[in-house]
């Protein structure tokens, strides 16, 4: 049976265990446009979702107002407007999912 020669590691001084980072590593390369682009896109998505939710709230308020009114019934087009506002709000909120944790 042949024995393998054991190889000894060189022992470094206690304070010198870290490696030198290459000049162009992922840690040192700056990508200045990426965070700014993401934050601009995120802020636009947040504005869109806020506008869509505000529109949905407006449609619901209009229906409640008409229910409390003299007639006690909302106008026929109110259901279609509410459906459209709900779809827009759902799409806007779903677009925020792309900015979730990765």
N, C-alpha and C. Protein backbone atom coordinates (compact mmCIF):
# COMPACT_ATOMS: atom_id res chain seq x y z
N UNK A 1 0.83 -1.16 0.00
CA UNK A 1 0.00 0.00 0.00
C UNK A 1 0.89 1.25 0.00
N UNK A 2 0.65 2.13 -0.92
CA UNK A 2 1.48 3.33 -1.01
C UNK A 2 0.89 4.41 -0.11
N UNK A 3 1.75 5.05 0.59
CA UNK A 3 1.28 6.15 1.45
C UNK A 3 1.46 7.47 0.73
N UNK A 4 0.48 8.33 0.94
CA UNK A 4 0.57 9.66 0.34
C UNK A 4 1.37 10.55 1.28
N UNK A 5 2.16 11.34 0.70
CA UNK A 5 2.95 12.27 1.52
C UNK A 5 2.04 13.35 2.06
N UNK A 6 2.10 13.58 3.33
CA UNK A 6 1.26 14.64 3.90
C UNK A 6 1.89 15.99 3.62
N UNK A 7 1.04 16.92 3.27
CA UNK A 7 1.52 18.25 2.93
C UNK A 7 1.17 19.19 4.06
N UNK A 8 2.12 19.94 4.50
CA UNK A 8 1.86 20.89 5.59
C UNK A 8 1.50 22.25 5.01
N UNK A 9 0.57 22.88 5.68
CA UNK A 9 0.22 24.24 5.30
C UNK A 9 1.18 25.20 5.98
N UNK A 10 1.43 26.27 5.30
CA UNK A 10 2.24 27.29 5.97
C UNK A 10 1.32 28.07 6.89
N UNK A 11 1.76 28.28 8.06
CA UNK A 11 0.96 28.96 9.06
C UNK A 11 1.27 30.44 9.00
N UNK A 12 0.24 31.24 8.79
CA UNK A 12 0.42 32.69 8.71
C UNK A 12 0.42 33.28 10.11
N UNK A 13 0.94 34.44 10.19
CA UNK A 13 0.91 35.14 11.48
C UNK A 13 -0.54 35.39 11.87
N UNK A 14 -0.84 35.43 13.16
CA UNK A 14 -2.24 35.55 13.61
C UNK A 14 -3.00 36.76 13.03
N UNK A 15 -2.35 37.84 12.77
CA UNK A 15 -3.05 39.02 12.29
C UNK A 15 -3.15 39.13 10.79
N UNK A 16 -2.61 38.18 10.03
CA UNK A 16 -2.53 38.29 8.57
C UNK A 16 -3.31 37.19 7.86
N UNK A 17 -4.52 36.97 8.22
CA UNK A 17 -5.30 35.89 7.62
C UNK A 17 -6.20 36.36 6.48
N UNK A 18 -6.32 37.65 6.26
CA UNK A 18 -7.24 38.12 5.22
C UNK A 18 -6.54 38.16 3.87
N UNK A 19 -7.33 38.01 2.84
CA UNK A 19 -6.81 38.07 1.48
C UNK A 19 -6.93 39.48 0.94
N UNK A 20 -6.13 39.77 -0.03
CA UNK A 20 -6.21 41.07 -0.69
C UNK A 20 -7.33 41.00 -1.73
N UNK A 21 -8.18 42.02 -1.77
CA UNK A 21 -9.29 42.07 -2.72
C UNK A 21 -8.76 42.54 -4.07
N UNK A 22 -9.11 41.86 -5.15
CA UNK A 22 -8.66 42.29 -6.48
C UNK A 22 -9.16 43.70 -6.79
N UNK A 23 -8.45 44.39 -7.66
CA UNK A 23 -8.78 45.78 -7.98
C UNK A 23 -10.19 45.92 -8.54
N UNK A 24 -10.64 44.96 -9.34
CA UNK A 24 -11.98 45.06 -9.92
C UNK A 24 -12.82 43.86 -9.49
N UNK A 25 -13.12 43.80 -8.25
CA UNK A 25 -13.98 42.71 -7.77
C UNK A 25 -15.41 43.21 -7.69
N UNK A 26 -16.32 42.30 -7.42
CA UNK A 26 -17.72 42.69 -7.28
C UNK A 26 -17.91 43.64 -6.12
N UNK A 27 -17.06 43.55 -5.14
CA UNK A 27 -17.17 44.40 -3.96
C UNK A 27 -16.75 45.83 -4.28
N UNK A 28 -15.73 45.97 -5.10
CA UNK A 28 -15.17 47.30 -5.32
C UNK A 28 -15.72 48.03 -6.53
N UNK A 29 -16.35 47.33 -7.47
CA UNK A 29 -16.87 47.99 -8.67
C UNK A 29 -18.16 48.70 -8.32
N UNK A 30 -18.22 49.96 -8.65
CA UNK A 30 -19.42 50.74 -8.36
C UNK A 30 -20.36 50.70 -9.55
N UNK A 31 -21.61 50.45 -9.27
CA UNK A 31 -22.64 50.53 -10.30
C UNK A 31 -23.58 51.63 -9.89
N UNK A 32 -23.25 52.84 -10.23
CA UNK A 32 -23.99 53.99 -9.73
C UNK A 32 -25.40 54.08 -10.31
N UNK A 33 -25.60 53.63 -11.54
CA UNK A 33 -26.92 53.80 -12.14
C UNK A 33 -27.95 52.80 -11.62
N UNK A 34 -27.52 51.64 -11.19
CA UNK A 34 -28.47 50.59 -10.81
C UNK A 34 -29.35 50.96 -9.62
N UNK A 35 -28.81 51.41 -8.48
CA UNK A 35 -29.69 51.75 -7.37
C UNK A 35 -30.59 52.94 -7.68
N UNK A 36 -30.09 53.90 -8.42
CA UNK A 36 -30.91 55.06 -8.74
C UNK A 36 -32.05 54.68 -9.68
N UNK A 37 -31.75 53.84 -10.64
CA UNK A 37 -32.79 53.39 -11.57
C UNK A 37 -33.86 52.61 -10.82
N UNK A 38 -33.45 51.74 -9.92
CA UNK A 38 -34.40 50.94 -9.16
C UNK A 38 -35.26 51.83 -8.27
N UNK A 39 -34.66 52.83 -7.62
CA UNK A 39 -35.44 53.68 -6.74
C UNK A 39 -36.40 54.57 -7.53
N UNK A 40 -35.99 54.99 -8.73
CA UNK A 40 -36.89 55.79 -9.56
C UNK A 40 -38.07 54.94 -10.02
N UNK A 41 -37.79 53.71 -10.40
CA UNK A 41 -38.85 52.81 -10.84
C UNK A 41 -39.77 52.46 -9.67
N UNK A 42 -39.18 52.24 -8.51
CA UNK A 42 -39.97 51.93 -7.32
C UNK A 42 -40.86 53.11 -6.94
N UNK A 43 -40.31 54.31 -6.99
CA UNK A 43 -41.13 55.47 -6.62
C UNK A 43 -42.26 55.68 -7.62
N UNK A 44 -42.00 55.42 -8.89
CA UNK A 44 -43.07 55.53 -9.90
C UNK A 44 -44.16 54.48 -9.64
N UNK A 45 -43.74 53.27 -9.30
CA UNK A 45 -44.71 52.20 -9.02
C UNK A 45 -45.52 52.54 -7.76
N UNK A 46 -44.87 53.13 -6.77
CA UNK A 46 -45.60 53.53 -5.56
C UNK A 46 -46.59 54.65 -5.86
N UNK A 47 -46.18 55.61 -6.70
CA UNK A 47 -47.11 56.69 -7.09
C UNK A 47 -48.31 56.12 -7.83
N UNK A 48 -48.05 55.20 -8.77
CA UNK A 48 -49.15 54.59 -9.53
C UNK A 48 -50.11 53.82 -8.62
N UNK A 49 -49.55 53.08 -7.68
CA UNK A 49 -50.43 52.31 -6.79
C UNK A 49 -51.22 53.24 -5.87
N UNK A 50 -50.59 54.32 -5.44
CA UNK A 50 -51.33 55.28 -4.60
C UNK A 50 -52.47 55.91 -5.39
N UNK A 51 -52.21 56.29 -6.63
CA UNK A 51 -53.26 56.89 -7.46
C UNK A 51 -54.39 55.89 -7.71
N UNK A 52 -54.04 54.64 -7.97
CA UNK A 52 -55.07 53.62 -8.23
C UNK A 52 -55.90 53.35 -6.98
N UNK A 53 -55.25 53.30 -5.83
CA UNK A 53 -56.00 53.06 -4.59
C UNK A 53 -56.87 54.26 -4.23
N UNK A 54 -56.40 55.46 -4.53
CA UNK A 54 -57.20 56.66 -4.29
C UNK A 54 -58.42 56.68 -5.20
N UNK A 55 -58.24 56.25 -6.45
CA UNK A 55 -59.36 56.17 -7.37
C UNK A 55 -60.39 55.15 -6.89
N UNK A 56 -59.91 54.01 -6.43
CA UNK A 56 -60.80 52.97 -5.88
C UNK A 56 -61.56 53.50 -4.67
N UNK A 57 -60.87 54.22 -3.81
CA UNK A 57 -61.52 54.81 -2.64
C UNK A 57 -62.59 55.82 -3.06
N UNK A 58 -62.29 56.60 -4.10
CA UNK A 58 -63.26 57.57 -4.60
C UNK A 58 -64.52 56.91 -5.14
N UNK A 59 -64.33 55.81 -5.87
CA UNK A 59 -65.49 55.08 -6.40
C UNK A 59 -66.34 54.50 -5.26
N UNK A 60 -65.69 53.94 -4.26
CA UNK A 60 -66.43 53.40 -3.10
C UNK A 60 -67.17 54.50 -2.35
N UNK A 61 -66.52 55.65 -2.19
CA UNK A 61 -67.18 56.79 -1.52
C UNK A 61 -68.40 57.25 -2.31
N UNK A 62 -68.28 57.28 -3.64
CA UNK A 62 -69.41 57.70 -4.47
C UNK A 62 -70.58 56.72 -4.33
N UNK A 63 -70.29 55.44 -4.27
CA UNK A 63 -71.36 54.44 -4.10
C UNK A 63 -72.01 54.58 -2.74
N UNK A 64 -71.20 54.76 -1.70
CA UNK A 64 -71.77 54.95 -0.36
C UNK A 64 -72.62 56.21 -0.29
N UNK A 65 -72.15 57.26 -0.92
CA UNK A 65 -72.91 58.52 -0.93
C UNK A 65 -74.26 58.34 -1.63
N UNK A 66 -74.23 57.63 -2.75
CA UNK A 66 -75.50 57.41 -3.47
C UNK A 66 -76.43 56.49 -2.70
N UNK A 67 -75.88 55.53 -1.96
CA UNK A 67 -76.72 54.64 -1.15
C UNK A 67 -77.38 55.39 0.00
N UNK A 68 -76.68 56.38 0.52
CA UNK A 68 -77.23 57.19 1.62
C UNK A 68 -78.12 58.32 1.12
N UNK A 69 -78.13 58.51 -0.19
CA UNK A 69 -78.90 59.61 -0.78
C UNK A 69 -80.39 59.34 -0.81
N UNK A 70 -81.09 60.22 -1.48
CA UNK A 70 -82.55 60.15 -1.56
C UNK A 70 -83.01 58.90 -2.31
N UNK A 71 -82.37 58.59 -3.40
CA UNK A 71 -82.77 57.43 -4.20
C UNK A 71 -82.41 56.11 -3.52
N UNK A 72 -81.30 56.07 -2.84
CA UNK A 72 -80.87 54.86 -2.17
C UNK A 72 -80.27 53.82 -3.10
N UNK A 73 -79.98 54.21 -4.34
CA UNK A 73 -79.39 53.26 -5.29
C UNK A 73 -78.31 53.97 -6.10
N UNK A 74 -77.19 53.29 -6.32
CA UNK A 74 -76.14 53.90 -7.15
C UNK A 74 -76.54 53.88 -8.62
N UNK A 75 -75.91 54.74 -9.39
CA UNK A 75 -76.20 54.77 -10.82
C UNK A 75 -75.70 53.49 -11.48
N UNK A 76 -76.27 53.09 -12.60
CA UNK A 76 -75.89 51.82 -13.24
C UNK A 76 -74.41 51.74 -13.63
N UNK A 77 -73.79 52.83 -14.01
CA UNK A 77 -72.39 52.80 -14.44
C UNK A 77 -71.41 52.69 -13.27
N UNK A 78 -71.92 52.84 -12.04
CA UNK A 78 -71.03 52.81 -10.87
C UNK A 78 -70.35 51.45 -10.71
N UNK A 79 -71.07 50.39 -11.00
CA UNK A 79 -70.49 49.05 -10.86
C UNK A 79 -69.34 48.85 -11.85
N UNK A 80 -69.50 49.34 -13.08
CA UNK A 80 -68.43 49.22 -14.07
C UNK A 80 -67.21 50.05 -13.67
N UNK A 81 -67.45 51.27 -13.18
CA UNK A 81 -66.34 52.11 -12.74
C UNK A 81 -65.61 51.48 -11.55
N UNK A 82 -66.38 50.89 -10.63
CA UNK A 82 -65.77 50.23 -9.48
C UNK A 82 -64.95 49.01 -9.92
N UNK A 83 -65.47 48.25 -10.86
CA UNK A 83 -64.74 47.10 -11.39
C UNK A 83 -63.42 47.52 -12.03
N UNK A 84 -63.48 48.59 -12.81
CA UNK A 84 -62.26 49.10 -13.46
C UNK A 84 -61.25 49.62 -12.45
N UNK A 85 -61.74 50.35 -11.44
CA UNK A 85 -60.85 50.87 -10.41
C UNK A 85 -60.23 49.74 -9.60
N UNK A 86 -61.00 48.67 -9.37
CA UNK A 86 -60.47 47.52 -8.63
C UNK A 86 -59.39 46.80 -9.43
N UNK A 87 -59.61 46.64 -10.72
CA UNK A 87 -58.59 46.00 -11.57
C UNK A 87 -57.31 46.83 -11.61
N UNK A 88 -57.48 48.15 -11.75
CA UNK A 88 -56.30 49.03 -11.80
C UNK A 88 -55.52 48.99 -10.49
N UNK A 89 -56.24 48.98 -9.37
CA UNK A 89 -55.57 48.93 -8.07
C UNK A 89 -54.87 47.59 -7.87
N UNK A 90 -55.51 46.51 -8.28
CA UNK A 90 -54.90 45.18 -8.14
C UNK A 90 -53.63 45.08 -8.99
N UNK A 91 -53.67 45.61 -10.21
CA UNK A 91 -52.50 45.56 -11.08
C UNK A 91 -51.36 46.42 -10.52
N UNK A 92 -51.71 47.59 -9.97
CA UNK A 92 -50.69 48.48 -9.42
C UNK A 92 -50.03 47.87 -8.18
N UNK A 93 -50.82 47.26 -7.33
CA UNK A 93 -50.26 46.64 -6.13
C UNK A 93 -49.44 45.40 -6.51
N UNK A 94 -49.91 44.65 -7.51
CA UNK A 94 -49.16 43.46 -7.94
C UNK A 94 -47.81 43.86 -8.55
N UNK A 95 -47.74 45.03 -9.20
CA UNK A 95 -46.46 45.46 -9.78
C UNK A 95 -45.44 45.77 -8.69
N UNK A 96 -45.90 46.04 -7.50
CA UNK A 96 -44.95 46.29 -6.40
C UNK A 96 -44.27 44.99 -5.93
N UNK A 97 -44.86 43.85 -6.25
CA UNK A 97 -44.26 42.58 -5.88
C UNK A 97 -42.89 42.36 -6.50
N UNK A 98 -42.65 43.00 -7.63
CA UNK A 98 -41.34 42.87 -8.27
C UNK A 98 -40.23 43.51 -7.45
N UNK A 99 -40.59 44.40 -6.54
CA UNK A 99 -39.61 45.08 -5.72
C UNK A 99 -39.44 44.44 -4.35
N UNK A 100 -40.06 43.29 -4.17
CA UNK A 100 -39.96 42.60 -2.87
C UNK A 100 -38.56 42.09 -2.62
N UNK A 101 -38.39 41.42 -1.53
CA UNK A 101 -37.09 40.86 -1.17
C UNK A 101 -36.63 39.86 -2.20
N UNK A 102 -35.38 39.88 -2.48
CA UNK A 102 -34.81 38.95 -3.46
C UNK A 102 -33.85 38.04 -2.79
